[in-house]
Amino acid sequence: MNSRTAIVVTGGSSGLGAAAAQRFAASGHTVHVFDLHPGDSAADTGETDGRVVFHQTDVRSDDSVRAAFTAVEQAGEELRGIVHCAGIAAFGPHNPGQLLHGEDHSPLDNLGTVENVLDTNLLGTFRIVRHGASLMARNGRHPAEENGFIVLTSSGAAFDGKAGQSAYVASKAAIIGMTLPLAREFSAIGVRVVTIAPGLFNTPILDDTPKIERHVPYPARVGDPDEFARLALHIAENHYINADVIRIDGGTRGEFRSASPFIR
């Protein structure tokens, strides 16, 4: 990619998105961070050499997403990739994701939480993808050449969801489900679509989840966000990876039990 190409990283102010923004910028790409608030990824460091640009963006608003992509286009850079990390968990001790009260089993008054999770994680993905793919389609590449790539972020919970995660799991499983049809649709414009399903990573979302036993076969630790970022960069550079879902979780599966839990 030349110096006039751009990568968009959503949710790029913290967690997995910040690591991806920093990794792509350090690799020589201009990175446009879409997030509600600026963070570490927006800092002008020696490694990124000022190649990270922040755009205040709310993925729950189509107007906000459209404006952010318009700003990228007006910068005179050719959009060649999207790493979509923006999302929320909205489950845990302060924001229960269960649907029923534990005692009398009446419906909890938290439908607004469910709607916000689906609006942010699922509909937010559609908003980012539709505007981003449209912009990449205007790159004017030869049909045999790649116009760009889109990396979506699901979750290991999409396969092994726990009680109280139904809204979050529904949103992340839907992202897995849209991967193949999007890849097929966007093949006409030379854009690949790949989904990463991370397990337990050292991010703010993990800090907000209940401190239940967390068993990882090997290595027995949570993931480093840069490990996610390096996978995203590899997907960007390996043009034969398409229409796939890649788990990165140290082998974690729903009912796995190790000899000794590494964290509670």
C-alpha atoms as a PDB file:
ATOM      1  CA  MET A   1       0.000   0.000   0.000  1.00  0.00           C
ATOM      2  CA  ASN A   2       1.329   3.424  -0.858  1.00  0.00           C
ATOM      3  CA  SER A   3       1.492   6.487   1.366  1.00  0.00           C
ATOM      4  CA  ARG A   4      -1.870   7.729   0.108  1.00  0.00           C
ATOM      5  CA  THR A   5      -3.834   4.730   1.337  1.00  0.00           C
ATOM      6  CA  ALA A   6      -5.790   4.534   4.560  1.00  0.00           C
ATOM      7  CA  ILE A   7      -6.932   1.953   7.071  1.00  0.00           C
ATOM      8  CA  VAL A   8      -9.966   2.565   9.284  1.00  0.00           C
ATOM      9  CA  VAL A   9      -9.963   1.051  12.763  1.00  0.00           C
ATOM     10  CA  THR A  10     -13.206   1.360  14.694  1.00  0.00           C
ATOM     11  CA  GLY A  11     -13.090   1.243  18.466  1.00  0.00           C
ATOM     12  CA  GLY A  12      -9.469   2.218  18.002  1.00  0.00           C
ATOM     13  CA  SER A  13      -9.082   4.218  21.199  1.00  0.00           C
ATOM     14  CA  SER A  14      -8.742   1.258  23.550  1.00  0.00           C
ATOM     15  CA  GLY A  15      -8.393  -2.493  23.784  1.00  0.00           C
ATOM     16  CA  LEU A  16      -8.113  -4.558  20.630  1.00  0.00           C
ATOM     17  CA  GLY A  17      -8.808  -1.567  18.393  1.00  0.00           C
ATOM     18  CA  ALA A  18      -6.023   0.531  19.908  1.00  0.00           C
ATOM     19  CA  ALA A  19      -3.558  -2.325  19.441  1.00  0.00           C
ATOM     20  CA  ALA A  20      -4.658  -2.743  15.816  1.00  0.00           C
ATOM     21  CA  ALA A  21      -4.366   0.991  15.157  1.00  0.00           C
ATOM     22  CA  GLN A  22      -0.863   1.083  16.577  1.00  0.00           C
ATOM     23  CA  ARG A  23       0.243  -2.066  14.735  1.00  0.00           C
ATOM     24  CA  PHE A  24      -1.011  -0.852  11.338  1.00  0.00           C
ATOM     25  CA  ALA A  25       0.429   2.631  11.870  1.00  0.00           C
ATOM     26  CA  ALA A  26       3.795   1.202  12.902  1.00  0.00           C
ATOM     27  CA  SER A  27       3.723  -0.863   9.697  1.00  0.00           C
ATOM     28  CA  GLY A  28       3.528   2.321   7.637  1.00  0.00           C
ATOM     29  CA  HIS A  29      -0.200   2.740   7.096  1.00  0.00           C
ATOM     30  CA  THR A  30      -2.231   5.881   7.696  1.00  0.00           C
ATOM     31  CA  VAL A  31      -4.822   4.873  10.296  1.00  0.00           C
ATOM     32  CA  HIS A  32      -8.145   6.632  10.832  1.00  0.00           C
ATOM     33  CA  VAL A  33      -9.536   5.796  14.257  1.00  0.00           C
ATOM     34  CA  PHE A  34     -13.325   5.904  14.595  1.00  0.00           C
ATOM     35  CA  ASP A  35     -14.348   6.073  18.250  1.00  0.00           C
ATOM     36  CA  LEU A  36     -16.442   8.093  20.681  1.00  0.00           C
ATOM     37  CA  HIS A  37     -13.361   9.262  22.581  1.00  0.00           C
ATOM     38  CA  PRO A  38      -9.674   9.620  21.726  1.00  0.00           C
ATOM     39  CA  GLY A  39      -7.254   7.301  23.477  1.00  0.00           C
ATOM     40  CA  ASP A  40      -3.728   5.904  23.398  1.00  0.00           C
ATOM     41  CA  SER A  41      -3.934   4.984  19.711  1.00  0.00           C
ATOM     42  CA  ALA A  42      -4.430   8.635  18.777  1.00  0.00           C
ATOM     43  CA  ALA A  43      -1.174   9.693  20.385  1.00  0.00           C
ATOM     44  CA  ASP A  44       1.592  10.973  18.135  1.00  0.00           C
ATOM     45  CA  THR A  45       4.368   8.548  19.066  1.00  0.00           C
ATOM     46  CA  GLY A  46       7.696   7.871  17.480  1.00  0.00           C
ATOM     47  CA  GLU A  47       6.535   4.480  16.239  1.00  0.00           C
ATOM     48  CA  THR A  48       3.419   5.780  14.475  1.00  0.00           C
ATOM     49  CA  ASP A  49       5.071   9.004  13.273  1.00  0.00           C
ATOM     50  CA  GLY A  50       1.793  10.922  13.347  1.00  0.00           C
ATOM     51  CA  ARG A  51       0.008   8.468  11.055  1.00  0.00           C
ATOM     52  CA  VAL A  52      -3.026   8.064  13.345  1.00  0.00           C
ATOM     53  CA  VAL A  53      -6.006  10.396  12.786  1.00  0.00           C
ATOM     54  CA  PHE A  54      -8.938  10.446  15.198  1.00  0.00           C
ATOM     55  CA  HIS A  55     -12.593  10.908  14.162  1.00  0.00           C
ATOM     56  CA  GLN A  56     -15.259  11.115  16.843  1.00  0.00           C
ATOM     57  CA  THR A  57     -17.733   8.512  15.643  1.00  0.00           C
ATOM     58  CA  ASP A  58     -20.780   6.796  17.093  1.00  0.00           C
ATOM     59  CA  VAL A  59     -21.459   3.507  15.304  1.00  0.00           C
ATOM     60  CA  ARG A  60     -25.074   3.708  16.524  1.00  0.00           C
ATOM     61  CA  SER A  61     -25.603   6.674  14.195  1.00  0.00           C
ATOM     62  CA  ASP A  62     -25.598   6.222  10.430  1.00  0.00           C
ATOM     63  CA  ASP A  63     -25.021   9.955   9.974  1.00  0.00           C
ATOM     64  CA  SER A  64     -21.977   9.826  12.253  1.00  0.00           C
ATOM     65  CA  VAL A  65     -20.510   6.847  10.396  1.00  0.00           C
ATOM     66  CA  ARG A  66     -21.171   8.453   7.003  1.00  0.00           C
ATOM     67  CA  ALA A  67     -19.481  11.683   8.109  1.00  0.00           C
ATOM     68  CA  ALA A  68     -16.399   9.830   9.332  1.00  0.00           C
ATOM     69  CA  PHE A  69     -15.935   7.981   6.041  1.00  0.00           C
ATOM     70  CA  THR A  70     -16.515  11.234   4.145  1.00  0.00           C
ATOM     71  CA  ALA A  71     -13.681  12.790   6.157  1.00  0.00           C
ATOM     72  CA  VAL A  72     -11.397   9.905   5.157  1.00  0.00           C
ATOM     73  CA  GLU A  73     -12.306  10.392   1.507  1.00  0.00           C
ATOM     74  CA  GLN A  74     -11.784  14.157   1.722  1.00  0.00           C
ATOM     75  CA  ALA A  75      -8.304  13.571   3.145  1.00  0.00           C
ATOM     76  CA  GLY A  76      -7.379  12.391  -0.337  1.00  0.00           C
ATOM     77  CA  GLU A  77      -6.453   8.908   0.785  1.00  0.00           C
ATOM     78  CA  GLU A  78      -7.572   5.654  -0.776  1.00  0.00           C
ATOM     79  CA  LEU A  79      -9.373   3.451   1.744  1.00  0.00           C
ATOM     80  CA  ARG A  80      -7.918  -0.043   1.520  1.00  0.00           C
ATOM     81  CA  GLY A  81      -8.964  -1.685   4.775  1.00  0.00           C
ATOM     82  CA  ILE A  82     -11.243  -1.698   7.807  1.00  0.00           C
ATOM     83  CA  VAL A  83     -10.624  -3.363  11.162  1.00  0.00           C
ATOM     84  CA  HIS A  84     -13.948  -3.143  12.961  1.00  0.00           C
ATOM     85  CA  CYS A  85     -13.481  -3.517  16.722  1.00  0.00           C
ATOM     86  CA  ALA A  86     -16.119  -1.132  18.083  1.00  0.00           C
ATOM     87  CA  GLY A  87     -18.455  -2.949  20.421  1.00  0.00           C
ATOM     88  CA  ILE A  88     -19.751  -3.333  23.964  1.00  0.00           C
ATOM     89  CA  ALA A  89     -20.300  -6.276  26.281  1.00  0.00           C
ATOM     90  CA  ALA A  90     -23.026  -4.906  28.597  1.00  0.00           C
ATOM     91  CA  PHE A  91     -23.084  -7.866  30.934  1.00  0.00           C
ATOM     92  CA  GLY A  92     -21.641  -8.257  34.399  1.00  0.00           C
ATOM     93  CA  PRO A  93     -22.404  -7.308  37.995  1.00  0.00           C
ATOM     94  CA  HIS A  94     -23.310  -3.695  37.208  1.00  0.00           C
ATOM     95  CA  ASN A  95     -25.258  -4.386  34.032  1.00  0.00           C
ATOM     96  CA  PRO A  96     -26.852  -7.818  34.219  1.00  0.00           C
ATOM     97  CA  GLY A  97     -27.570  -9.518  30.936  1.00  0.00           C
ATOM     98  CA  GLN A  98     -30.019 -12.035  32.333  1.00  0.00           C
ATOM     99  CA  LEU A  99     -33.577 -11.700  31.115  1.00  0.00           C
ATOM    100  CA  LEU A 100     -35.380 -12.898  34.264  1.00  0.00           C
ATOM    101  CA  HIS A 101     -35.176 -12.076  37.958  1.00  0.00           C
ATOM    102  CA  GLY A 102     -33.438 -14.828  39.888  1.00  0.00           C
ATOM    103  CA  GLU A 103     -36.104 -15.096  42.578  1.00  0.00           C
ATOM    104  CA  ASP A 104     -39.553 -14.720  41.007  1.00  0.00           C
ATOM    105  CA  HIS A 105     -38.455 -15.199  37.356  1.00  0.00           C
ATOM    106  CA  SER A 106     -40.293 -12.090  36.212  1.00  0.00           C
ATOM    107  CA  PRO A 107     -38.825 -10.210  33.220  1.00  0.00           C
ATOM    108  CA  LEU A 108     -36.010  -7.834  34.129  1.00  0.00           C
ATOM    109  CA  ASP A 109     -36.511  -4.231  33.070  1.00  0.00           C
ATOM    110  CA  ASN A 110     -33.385  -4.222  30.886  1.00  0.00           C
ATOM    111  CA  LEU A 111     -34.700  -4.415  27.334  1.00  0.00           C
ATOM    112  CA  GLY A 112     -32.980  -1.086  26.702  1.00  0.00           C
ATOM    113  CA  THR A 113     -29.650  -2.760  27.454  1.00  0.00           C
ATOM    114  CA  VAL A 114     -30.419  -5.554  24.995  1.00  0.00           C
ATOM    115  CA  GLU A 115     -31.372  -3.039  22.306  1.00  0.00           C
ATOM    116  CA  ASN A 116     -28.200  -1.013  22.902  1.00  0.00           C
ATOM    117  CA  VAL A 117     -26.004  -4.099  22.567  1.00  0.00           C
ATOM    118  CA  LEU A 118     -27.656  -5.099  19.295  1.00  0.00           C
ATOM    119  CA  ASP A 119     -27.607  -1.530  17.982  1.00  0.00           C
ATOM    120  CA  THR A 120     -23.915  -1.085  18.796  1.00  0.00           C
ATOM    121  CA  ASN A 121     -22.501  -4.497  17.953  1.00  0.00           C
ATOM    122  CA  LEU A 122     -24.751  -5.721  15.157  1.00  0.00           C
ATOM    123  CA  LEU A 123     -26.331  -2.716  13.469  1.00  0.00           C
ATOM    124  CA  GLY A 124     -23.116  -0.782  14.055  1.00  0.00           C
ATOM    125  CA  THR A 125     -21.314  -3.428  12.016  1.00  0.00           C
ATOM    126  CA  PHE A 126     -23.775  -3.021   9.156  1.00  0.00           C
ATOM    127  CA  ARG A 127     -23.321   0.763   9.235  1.00  0.00           C
ATOM    128  CA  ILE A 128     -19.538   0.527   9.099  1.00  0.00           C
ATOM    129  CA  VAL A 129     -19.490  -2.161   6.424  1.00  0.00           C
ATOM    130  CA  ARG A 130     -21.961  -0.551   4.042  1.00  0.00           C
ATOM    131  CA  HIS A 131     -20.286   2.851   4.021  1.00  0.00           C
ATOM    132  CA  GLY A 132     -16.771   1.455   4.067  1.00  0.00           C
ATOM    133  CA  ALA A 133     -17.287  -1.056   1.269  1.00  0.00           C
ATOM    134  CA  SER A 134     -18.974   1.614  -0.844  1.00  0.00           C
ATOM    135  CA  LEU A 135     -15.947   3.873  -0.444  1.00  0.00           C
ATOM    136  CA  MET A 136     -13.524   1.053  -1.301  1.00  0.00           C
ATOM    137  CA  ALA A 137     -15.563   0.224  -4.395  1.00  0.00           C
ATOM    138  CA  ARG A 138     -14.662   3.667  -5.710  1.00  0.00           C
ATOM    139  CA  ASN A 139     -10.930   2.932  -5.626  1.00  0.00           C
ATOM    140  CA  GLY A 140     -11.047   2.179  -9.349  1.00  0.00           C
ATOM    141  CA  ARG A 141      -8.883  -0.922  -9.228  1.00  0.00           C
ATOM    142  CA  HIS A 142      -8.716  -3.471 -12.020  1.00  0.00           C
ATOM    143  CA  PRO A 143     -11.246  -6.294 -11.407  1.00  0.00           C
ATOM    144  CA  ALA A 144      -8.387  -8.765 -10.897  1.00  0.00           C
ATOM    145  CA  GLU A 145      -6.818  -6.604  -8.172  1.00  0.00           C
ATOM    146  CA  GLU A 146      -7.917  -6.298  -4.579  1.00  0.00           C
ATOM    147  CA  ASN A 147      -9.737  -3.132  -3.595  1.00  0.00           C
ATOM    148  CA  GLY A 148      -9.471  -3.782   0.103  1.00  0.00           C
ATOM    149  CA  PHE A 149     -10.263  -5.953   3.111  1.00  0.00           C
ATOM    150  CA  ILE A 150     -12.661  -5.862   6.035  1.00  0.00           C
ATOM    151  CA  VAL A 151     -11.838  -7.533   9.341  1.00  0.00           C
ATOM    152  CA  LEU A 152     -14.843  -7.929  11.636  1.00  0.00           C
ATOM    153  CA  THR A 153     -14.663  -8.819  15.322  1.00  0.00           C
ATOM    154  CA  SER A 154     -16.864 -11.502  16.815  1.00  0.00           C
ATOM    155  CA  SER A 155     -16.117 -13.356  20.056  1.00  0.00           C
ATOM    156  CA  GLY A 156     -15.458 -16.840  21.365  1.00  0.00           C
ATOM    157  CA  ALA A 157     -18.691 -16.321  23.282  1.00  0.00           C
ATOM    158  CA  ALA A 158     -20.509 -16.665  19.956  1.00  0.00           C
ATOM    159  CA  PHE A 159     -19.694 -20.380  20.182  1.00  0.00           C
ATOM    160  CA  ASP A 160     -19.685 -20.859  23.973  1.00  0.00           C
ATOM    161  CA  GLY A 161     -21.977 -18.251  25.476  1.00  0.00           C
ATOM    162  CA  LYS A 162     -22.695 -18.231  29.184  1.00  0.00           C
ATOM    163  CA  ALA A 163     -25.886 -17.432  31.072  1.00  0.00           C
ATOM    164  CA  GLY A 164     -26.539 -13.705  31.035  1.00  0.00           C
ATOM    165  CA  GLN A 165     -24.739 -13.172  27.728  1.00  0.00           C
ATOM    166  CA  SER A 166     -27.645 -13.809  25.373  1.00  0.00           C
ATOM    167  CA  ALA A 167     -27.781 -10.294  23.862  1.00  0.00           C
ATOM    168  CA  TYR A 168     -23.994 -10.076  23.501  1.00  0.00           C
ATOM    169  CA  VAL A 169     -23.759 -13.585  22.050  1.00  0.00           C
ATOM    170  CA  ALA A 170     -26.625 -12.906  19.635  1.00  0.00           C
ATOM    171  CA  SER A 171     -24.792  -9.843  18.320  1.00  0.00           C
ATOM    172  CA  LYS A 172     -21.459 -11.639  17.968  1.00  0.00           C
ATOM    173  CA  ALA A 173     -22.931 -14.811  16.434  1.00  0.00           C
ATOM    174  CA  ALA A 174     -24.679 -12.629  13.859  1.00  0.00           C
ATOM    175  CA  ILE A 175     -21.318 -11.207  12.804  1.00  0.00           C
ATOM    176  CA  ILE A 176     -20.098 -14.732  12.136  1.00  0.00           C
ATOM    177  CA  GLY A 177     -23.248 -15.397  10.150  1.00  0.00           C
ATOM    178  CA  MET A 178     -22.826 -12.342   7.924  1.00  0.00           C
ATOM    179  CA  THR A 179     -19.173 -13.058   7.073  1.00  0.00           C
ATOM    180  CA  LEU A 180     -19.741 -15.430   4.145  1.00  0.00           C
ATOM    181  CA  PRO A 181     -22.620 -13.570   2.462  1.00  0.00           C
ATOM    182  CA  LEU A 182     -20.743 -10.277   2.756  1.00  0.00           C
ATOM    183  CA  ALA A 183     -17.611 -11.845   1.279  1.00  0.00           C
ATOM    184  CA  ARG A 184     -19.668 -13.203  -1.591  1.00  0.00           C
ATOM    185  CA  GLU A 185     -21.380  -9.868  -2.202  1.00  0.00           C
ATOM    186  CA  PHE A 186     -18.168  -7.842  -2.018  1.00  0.00           C
ATOM    187  CA  SER A 187     -16.243 -10.209  -4.293  1.00  0.00           C
ATOM    188  CA  ALA A 188     -17.743  -8.140  -7.118  1.00  0.00           C
ATOM    189  CA  ILE A 189     -15.772  -5.111  -5.912  1.00  0.00           C
ATOM    190  CA  GLY A 190     -12.611  -6.956  -4.905  1.00  0.00           C
ATOM    191  CA  VAL A 191     -13.067  -6.639  -1.137  1.00  0.00           C
ATOM    192  CA  ARG A 192     -12.376  -9.539   1.236  1.00  0.00           C
ATOM    193  CA  VAL A 193     -14.278 -10.076   4.502  1.00  0.00           C
ATOM    194  CA  VAL A 194     -12.796 -12.041   7.403  1.00  0.00           C
ATOM    195  CA  THR A 195     -13.951 -12.308  11.017  1.00  0.00           C
ATOM    196  CA  ILE A 196     -11.740 -12.774  14.062  1.00  0.00           C
ATOM    197  CA  ALA A 197     -13.314 -14.400  17.127  1.00  0.00           C
ATOM    198  CA  PRO A 198     -11.103 -13.519  20.101  1.00  0.00           C
ATOM    199  CA  GLY A 199     -11.291 -15.255  23.450  1.00  0.00           C
ATOM    200  CA  LEU A 200     -10.228 -13.690  26.735  1.00  0.00           C
ATOM    201  CA  PHE A 201      -8.017 -10.664  26.121  1.00  0.00           C
ATOM    202  CA  ASN A 202      -6.568  -8.066  28.448  1.00  0.00           C
ATOM    203  CA  THR A 203      -8.973  -5.271  27.504  1.00  0.00           C
ATOM    204  CA  PRO A 204     -11.379  -2.953  29.355  1.00  0.00           C
ATOM    205  CA  ILE A 205     -14.278  -5.273  28.466  1.00  0.00           C
ATOM    206  CA  LEU A 206     -12.599  -8.081  30.420  1.00  0.00           C
ATOM    207  CA  ASP A 207     -12.200  -5.765  33.411  1.00  0.00           C
ATOM    208  CA  ASP A 208     -15.977  -5.257  33.483  1.00  0.00           C
ATOM    209  CA  THR A 209     -16.914  -8.936  33.393  1.00  0.00           C
ATOM    210  CA  PRO A 210     -17.511 -11.100  36.479  1.00  0.00           C
ATOM    211  CA  LYS A 211     -14.345 -12.658  37.893  1.00  0.00           C
ATOM    212  CA  ILE A 212     -15.434 -16.210  37.162  1.00  0.00           C
ATOM    213  CA  GLU A 213     -12.932 -19.009  36.655  1.00  0.00           C
ATOM    214  CA  ARG A 214     -11.210 -18.568  33.320  1.00  0.00           C
ATOM    215  CA  HIS A 215      -9.575 -21.688  31.911  1.00  0.00           C
ATOM    216  CA  VAL A 216      -7.241 -21.460  28.937  1.00  0.00           C
ATOM    217  CA  PRO A 217      -5.481 -24.682  27.842  1.00  0.00           C
ATOM    218  CA  TYR A 218      -2.275 -23.110  26.548  1.00  0.00           C
ATOM    219  CA  PRO A 219      -0.803 -20.634  27.081  1.00  0.00           C
ATOM    220  CA  ALA A 220      -2.566 -20.332  30.448  1.00  0.00           C
ATOM    221  CA  ARG A 221      -3.161 -16.588  30.324  1.00  0.00           C
ATOM    222  CA  VAL A 222      -5.392 -13.999  28.744  1.00  0.00           C
ATOM    223  CA  GLY A 223      -4.402 -12.727  25.325  1.00  0.00           C
ATOM    224  CA  ASP A 224      -2.341  -9.642  24.647  1.00  0.00           C
ATOM    225  CA  PRO A 225      -4.200  -7.171  22.377  1.00  0.00           C
ATOM    226  CA  ASP A 226      -1.163  -7.010  20.093  1.00  0.00           C
ATOM    227  CA  GLU A 227      -1.656 -10.712  19.335  1.00  0.00           C
ATOM    228  CA  PHE A 228      -5.055  -9.812  17.924  1.00  0.00           C
ATOM    229  CA  ALA A 229      -3.514  -6.871  16.053  1.00  0.00           C
ATOM    230  CA  ARG A 230      -0.825  -9.034  14.469  1.00  0.00           C
ATOM    231  CA  LEU A 231      -3.481 -11.455  13.244  1.00  0.00           C
ATOM    232  CA  ALA A 232      -5.468  -8.579  11.733  1.00  0.00           C
ATOM    233  CA  LEU A 233      -2.341  -7.332   9.965  1.00  0.00           C
ATOM    234  CA  HIS A 234      -1.613 -10.813   8.629  1.00  0.00           C
ATOM    235  CA  ILE A 235      -5.157 -11.040   7.248  1.00  0.00           C
ATOM    236  CA  ALA A 236      -4.616  -7.685   5.547  1.00  0.00           C
ATOM    237  CA  GLU A 237      -1.426  -8.909   3.910  1.00  0.00           C
ATOM    238  CA  ASN A 238      -2.502 -12.462   3.023  1.00  0.00           C
ATOM    239  CA  HIS A 239      -4.842 -11.987   0.077  1.00  0.00           C
ATOM    240  CA  TYR A 240      -6.072 -15.581  -0.019  1.00  0.00           C
ATOM    241  CA  ILE A 241      -7.776 -15.411   3.367  1.00  0.00           C
ATOM    242  CA  ASN A 242     -11.419 -14.629   2.718  1.00  0.00           C
ATOM    243  CA  ALA A 243     -14.918 -15.484   3.964  1.00  0.00           C
ATOM    244  CA  ASP A 244     -13.522 -17.160   7.060  1.00  0.00           C
ATOM    245  CA  VAL A 245     -13.826 -16.965  10.846  1.00  0.00           C
ATOM    246  CA  ILE A 246     -10.589 -17.341  12.791  1.00  0.00           C
ATOM    247  CA  ARG A 247     -10.580 -18.068  16.520  1.00  0.00           C
ATOM    248  CA  ILE A 248      -7.729 -16.690  18.629  1.00  0.00           C
ATOM    249  CA  ASP A 249      -8.228 -17.896  22.184  1.00  0.00           C
ATOM    250  CA  GLY A 250      -5.451 -20.227  23.375  1.00  0.00           C
ATOM    251  CA  GLY A 251      -7.760 -23.194  22.818  1.00  0.00           C
ATOM    252  CA  THR A 252     -10.491 -22.018  25.172  1.00  0.00           C
ATOM    253  CA  ARG A 253     -13.766 -23.877  24.821  1.00  0.00           C
ATOM    254  CA  GLY A 254     -16.946 -23.595  26.832  1.00  0.00           C
ATOM    255  CA  GLU A 255     -16.660 -26.607  29.102  1.00  0.00           C
ATOM    256  CA  PHE A 256     -12.881 -26.918  29.245  1.00  0.00           C
ATOM    257  CA  ARG A 257     -11.511 -27.436  32.773  1.00  0.00           C
ATOM    258  CA  SER A 258      -7.785 -27.304  33.449  1.00  0.00           C
ATOM    259  CA  ALA A 259      -6.085 -28.902  36.438  1.00  0.00           C
ATOM    260  CA  SER A 260      -5.778 -25.509  38.102  1.00  0.00           C
ATOM    261  CA  PRO A 261      -7.579 -22.322  37.070  1.00  0.00           C
ATOM    262  CA  PHE A 262      -5.121 -19.529  36.348  1.00  0.00           C
ATOM    263  CA  ILE A 263      -7.413 -16.679  37.313  1.00  0.00           C
ATOM    264  CA  ARG A 264     -10.612 -16.077  39.267  1.00  0.00           C
END
